[in-house]
């Protein structure tokens, strides 16, 4: 069961990858711009190569982000379902204790709202 720290780590890893991809994209654009000014004949080849590389990189990043988002959504759904099942089981087994807990939480929330 991943913790919040693991999810934060995944999110920070995704952000770091996106930063690296952005940096790479900037460098490739600079290379393309420099190649245009240095050689008219080779510019088209380099420009096409850079554009193709950038397209592949961005597609890869989008696909990776979509996969991670889908996995996180599936995990969240599974954990929510498990939590609801556990709460339902506790309510069925110990209804008076759960009612007392609910009253206590309601009282604390009422106190917090007054401030």
Protein backbone atom coordinates (compact mmCIF):
# COMPACT_ATOMS: atom_id res chain seq x y z
CA UNK A 1 0.00 0.00 0.00
CA UNK A 2 1.82 3.17 -1.20
CA UNK A 3 2.00 6.01 1.22
CA UNK A 4 1.55 9.69 0.61
CA UNK A 5 5.33 9.96 0.49
CA UNK A 6 5.45 7.43 -2.36
CA UNK A 7 2.77 9.33 -4.27
CA UNK A 8 4.60 12.61 -3.66
CA UNK A 9 7.79 10.94 -4.87
CA UNK A 10 6.05 9.81 -8.08
CA UNK A 11 4.70 13.31 -8.58
CA UNK A 12 8.11 14.88 -7.98
CA UNK A 13 9.70 12.37 -10.36
CA UNK A 14 7.18 13.26 -13.04
CA UNK A 15 7.86 16.97 -12.48
CA UNK A 16 11.61 16.37 -12.69
CA UNK A 17 11.21 14.45 -15.94
CA UNK A 18 9.06 17.20 -17.37
CA UNK A 19 11.70 19.77 -16.38
CA UNK A 20 14.40 17.71 -18.07
CA UNK A 21 12.26 17.34 -21.17
CA UNK A 22 11.65 21.08 -21.25
CA UNK A 23 15.37 21.74 -20.93
CA UNK A 24 16.11 19.27 -23.72
CA UNK A 25 13.47 20.88 -25.90
CA UNK A 26 15.05 24.33 -25.36
CA UNK A 27 18.52 22.99 -26.20
CA UNK A 28 17.29 21.27 -29.34
CA UNK A 29 15.54 24.46 -30.45
CA UNK A 30 18.78 26.40 -29.89
CA UNK A 31 20.66 23.79 -31.92
CA UNK A 32 18.11 24.11 -34.68
CA UNK A 33 18.37 27.91 -34.65
CA UNK A 34 22.17 27.76 -34.68
CA UNK A 35 22.20 25.29 -37.53
CA UNK A 36 19.99 27.57 -39.61
CA UNK A 37 22.47 30.40 -39.35
CA UNK A 38 25.58 28.26 -39.97
CA UNK A 39 24.65 26.18 -42.96
CA UNK A 40 21.77 26.66 -45.32
CA UNK A 41 21.98 23.16 -46.87
CA UNK A 42 22.23 21.19 -43.61
CA UNK A 43 19.67 23.31 -41.85
CA UNK A 44 16.66 21.55 -43.29
CA UNK A 45 17.99 18.12 -42.29
CA UNK A 46 18.84 19.22 -38.75
CA UNK A 47 15.59 21.15 -38.45
CA UNK A 48 13.59 18.08 -39.51
CA UNK A 49 15.57 15.87 -37.13
CA UNK A 50 15.00 18.27 -34.23
CA UNK A 51 11.29 18.58 -34.97
CA UNK A 52 10.91 14.81 -35.17
CA UNK A 53 12.88 14.32 -31.93
CA UNK A 54 10.80 16.93 -30.14
CA UNK A 55 7.59 15.35 -31.38
CA UNK A 56 8.67 11.90 -30.18
CA UNK A 57 9.78 13.27 -26.82
CA UNK A 58 6.54 15.13 -26.21
CA UNK A 59 4.47 12.10 -27.27
CA UNK A 60 6.47 9.92 -24.88
CA UNK A 61 6.00 12.35 -22.00
CA UNK A 62 2.26 12.63 -22.67
CA UNK A 63 1.88 8.84 -22.81
CA UNK A 64 3.89 8.41 -19.59
CA UNK A 65 1.86 11.06 -17.79
CA UNK A 66 -1.39 9.45 -18.98
CA UNK A 67 -0.24 6.02 -17.78
CA UNK A 68 0.77 7.35 -14.35
CA UNK A 69 -2.48 9.29 -14.00
CA UNK A 70 -4.49 6.18 -14.85
CA UNK A 71 -2.54 4.08 -12.36
CA UNK A 72 -3.03 6.64 -9.59
CA UNK A 73 -6.76 6.85 -10.32
CA UNK A 74 -7.05 3.05 -10.20
CA UNK A 75 -5.14 2.92 -6.90
CA UNK A 76 -7.28 5.67 -5.38
CA UNK A 77 -10.45 3.89 -6.45
CA UNK A 78 -9.25 0.59 -4.98
CA UNK A 79 -8.23 2.18 -1.66
CA UNK A 80 -11.52 4.06 -1.42
CA UNK A 81 -13.44 0.86 -2.05
CA UNK A 82 -11.39 -0.99 0.59
CA UNK A 83 -11.90 1.81 3.11
CA UNK A 84 -15.67 1.81 2.57
CA UNK A 85 -15.78 -1.96 3.03
CA UNK A 86 -13.80 -1.72 6.27
CA UNK A 87 -15.98 1.07 7.64
CA UNK A 88 -19.13 -0.84 6.71
CA UNK A 89 -17.78 -3.95 8.45
CA UNK A 90 -16.95 -1.98 11.60
CA UNK A 91 -20.39 -0.34 11.66
CA UNK A 92 -22.06 -3.75 11.35
CA UNK A 93 -19.89 -5.33 14.06
CA UNK A 94 -19.77 -2.41 16.53
CA UNK A 95 -22.67 -0.06 15.83
CA UNK A 96 -22.68 1.69 19.23
CA UNK A 97 -18.94 2.39 19.20
CA UNK A 98 -19.13 3.72 15.65
CA UNK A 99 -22.13 5.89 16.59
CA UNK A 100 -20.12 7.29 19.51
CA UNK A 101 -17.18 8.02 17.23
CA UNK A 102 -19.47 9.76 14.73
CA UNK A 103 -20.99 11.89 17.50
CA UNK A 104 -17.51 12.80 18.75
CA UNK A 105 -16.32 13.77 15.28
CA UNK A 106 -19.47 15.82 14.74
CA UNK A 107 -18.92 17.60 18.05
CA UNK A 108 -15.29 18.41 17.13
CA UNK A 109 -16.30 19.67 13.70
CA UNK A 110 -18.97 21.85 15.34
CA UNK A 111 -16.38 23.32 17.69
CA UNK A 112 -13.98 23.95 14.82
CA UNK A 113 -16.69 25.75 12.82
CA UNK A 114 -17.44 28.16 15.68
CA UNK A 115 -13.92 29.57 15.59
